[in-house]
Amino acid sequence: MTCDSYHNLGPESHGVDCPRRRCMDSKGYEYCSECPEYAAGKCEKFESMDRYFVKKGDSLRENLKRITSGDADAWLAEQGAKWSCHSCGAPTFWEEKNCPRCGKPLK
């Protein structure tokens, strides 16, 4: 399964049953940042996921701020470089120790 972003989820996509996506859809929002609960830091769905990502060295709140401020293209380019194998260019996931394509160590 792959993550194709909230806006391109297909039946085989990671995140197709994402509780945050269902929440946004039920409220008619495209991004969590449109919700008053998010702005107040009171959306436990988002905050719990952000805490998990912060432990991994990333901040969903900061990422979303960049994306919605018009910096999406630069953010996407950075993420593409950050989450790909430096040897063969295959996409990687943060919990992988070795590249899924070439097997070389990551990082």
Protein backbone atom coordinates (compact mmCIF):
# COMPACT_ATOMS: atom_id res chain seq x y z
CA MET A 1 0.00 0.00 0.00
CA THR A 2 1.13 3.54 -0.63
CA CYS A 3 0.12 6.92 0.70
CA ASP A 4 -1.05 9.01 -2.21
CA SER A 5 -2.11 11.98 -0.07
CA TYR A 6 -5.50 12.68 1.41
CA HIS A 7 -6.64 14.11 -1.90
CA ASN A 8 -5.85 11.02 -4.01
CA LEU A 9 -6.81 8.10 -1.80
CA GLY A 10 -7.70 4.96 -3.70
CA PRO A 11 -8.88 1.60 -2.37
CA GLU A 12 -5.30 0.34 -1.96
CA SER A 13 -3.90 3.54 -0.44
CA HIS A 14 -2.49 3.74 3.05
CA GLY A 15 -4.80 6.04 4.98
CA VAL A 16 -8.02 5.27 3.10
CA ASP A 17 -9.74 4.75 6.49
CA CYS A 18 -7.88 7.57 8.24
CA PRO A 19 -9.93 8.97 11.14
CA ARG A 20 -8.63 12.49 10.43
CA ARG A 21 -9.73 12.25 6.80
CA ARG A 22 -13.19 11.03 7.86
CA CYS A 23 -13.39 13.91 10.36
CA MET A 24 -12.46 16.51 7.71
CA ASP A 25 -14.91 15.02 5.23
CA SER A 26 -17.73 15.05 7.80
CA LYS A 27 -17.10 18.76 8.49
CA GLY A 28 -16.54 19.74 4.86
CA TYR A 29 -12.87 20.72 5.32
CA GLU A 30 -10.01 20.06 2.95
CA TYR A 31 -7.31 20.49 5.62
CA CYS A 32 -7.31 20.12 9.40
CA SER A 33 -6.12 23.72 9.65
CA GLU A 34 -9.56 24.93 8.50
CA CYS A 35 -11.16 23.59 11.68
CA PRO A 36 -11.52 25.84 14.77
CA GLU A 37 -10.56 22.89 17.01
CA TYR A 38 -7.22 22.58 15.18
CA ALA A 39 -6.49 26.31 15.53
CA ALA A 40 -7.19 26.11 19.28
CA GLY A 41 -5.00 23.01 19.69
CA LYS A 42 -8.07 21.09 20.87
CA CYS A 43 -8.34 18.45 18.15
CA GLU A 44 -7.11 15.31 19.88
CA LYS A 45 -7.12 13.35 16.59
CA PHE A 46 -4.60 15.76 15.12
CA GLU A 47 -2.64 16.44 18.30
CA SER A 48 -2.05 12.74 19.04
CA MET A 49 -0.77 12.17 15.51
CA ASP A 50 1.42 15.28 15.69
CA ARG A 51 2.96 14.09 18.98
CA TYR A 52 3.83 10.78 17.31
CA PHE A 53 5.45 12.55 14.35
CA VAL A 54 7.37 14.96 16.62
CA LYS A 55 8.94 11.93 18.35
CA LYS A 56 10.11 10.85 14.88
CA GLY A 57 11.62 14.29 14.21
CA ASP A 58 8.85 15.88 12.17
CA SER A 59 5.95 18.21 13.00
CA LEU A 60 2.64 17.82 11.21
CA ARG A 61 1.55 21.23 12.43
CA GLU A 62 4.64 22.87 10.89
CA ASN A 63 4.27 20.84 7.70
CA LEU A 64 0.62 21.84 7.35
CA LYS A 65 1.50 25.49 7.97
CA ARG A 66 4.01 25.40 5.11
CA ILE A 67 1.65 23.59 2.77
CA THR A 68 -1.29 25.91 3.36
CA SER A 69 0.86 29.06 3.24
CA GLY A 70 1.71 28.47 -0.41
CA ASP A 71 5.05 26.74 0.17
CA ALA A 72 3.75 23.31 -0.90
CA ASP A 73 6.05 22.86 -3.91
CA ALA A 74 9.22 23.53 -1.90
CA TRP A 75 7.95 21.32 0.95
CA LEU A 76 7.18 18.48 -1.48
CA ALA A 77 10.66 18.74 -3.02
CA GLU A 78 12.27 18.61 0.44
CA GLN A 79 10.15 15.63 1.46
CA GLY A 80 10.99 13.82 -1.77
CA ALA A 81 14.70 14.23 -1.07
CA LYS A 82 14.33 13.37 2.62
CA TRP A 83 12.32 10.19 2.05
CA SER A 84 14.20 8.56 -0.81
CA CYS A 85 17.22 6.29 -0.93
CA HIS A 86 20.39 8.24 -1.64
CA SER A 87 21.77 5.26 -3.56
CA CYS A 88 18.95 4.30 -5.93
CA GLY A 89 16.27 6.99 -5.44
CA ALA A 90 13.50 4.61 -4.31
CA PRO A 91 10.90 6.08 -1.95
CA THR A 92 11.45 5.12 1.69
CA PHE A 93 9.50 5.16 4.93
CA TRP A 94 10.90 6.52 8.20
CA GLU A 95 10.87 3.17 10.00
CA GLU A 96 12.92 1.39 7.34
CA LYS A 97 16.56 0.75 8.14
CA ASN A 98 17.46 -0.40 4.61
CA CYS A 99 16.18 0.61 1.19
CA PRO A 100 13.30 -1.62 0.07
CA ARG A 101 14.67 -1.64 -3.50
CA CYS A 102 18.46 -1.88 -3.30
CA GLY A 103 18.87 -3.02 0.33
CA LYS A 104 21.51 -0.41 1.18
CA PRO A 105 21.42 1.17 4.66
CA LEU A 106 19.43 4.39 4.94
CA LYS A 107 20.83 7.52 6.59
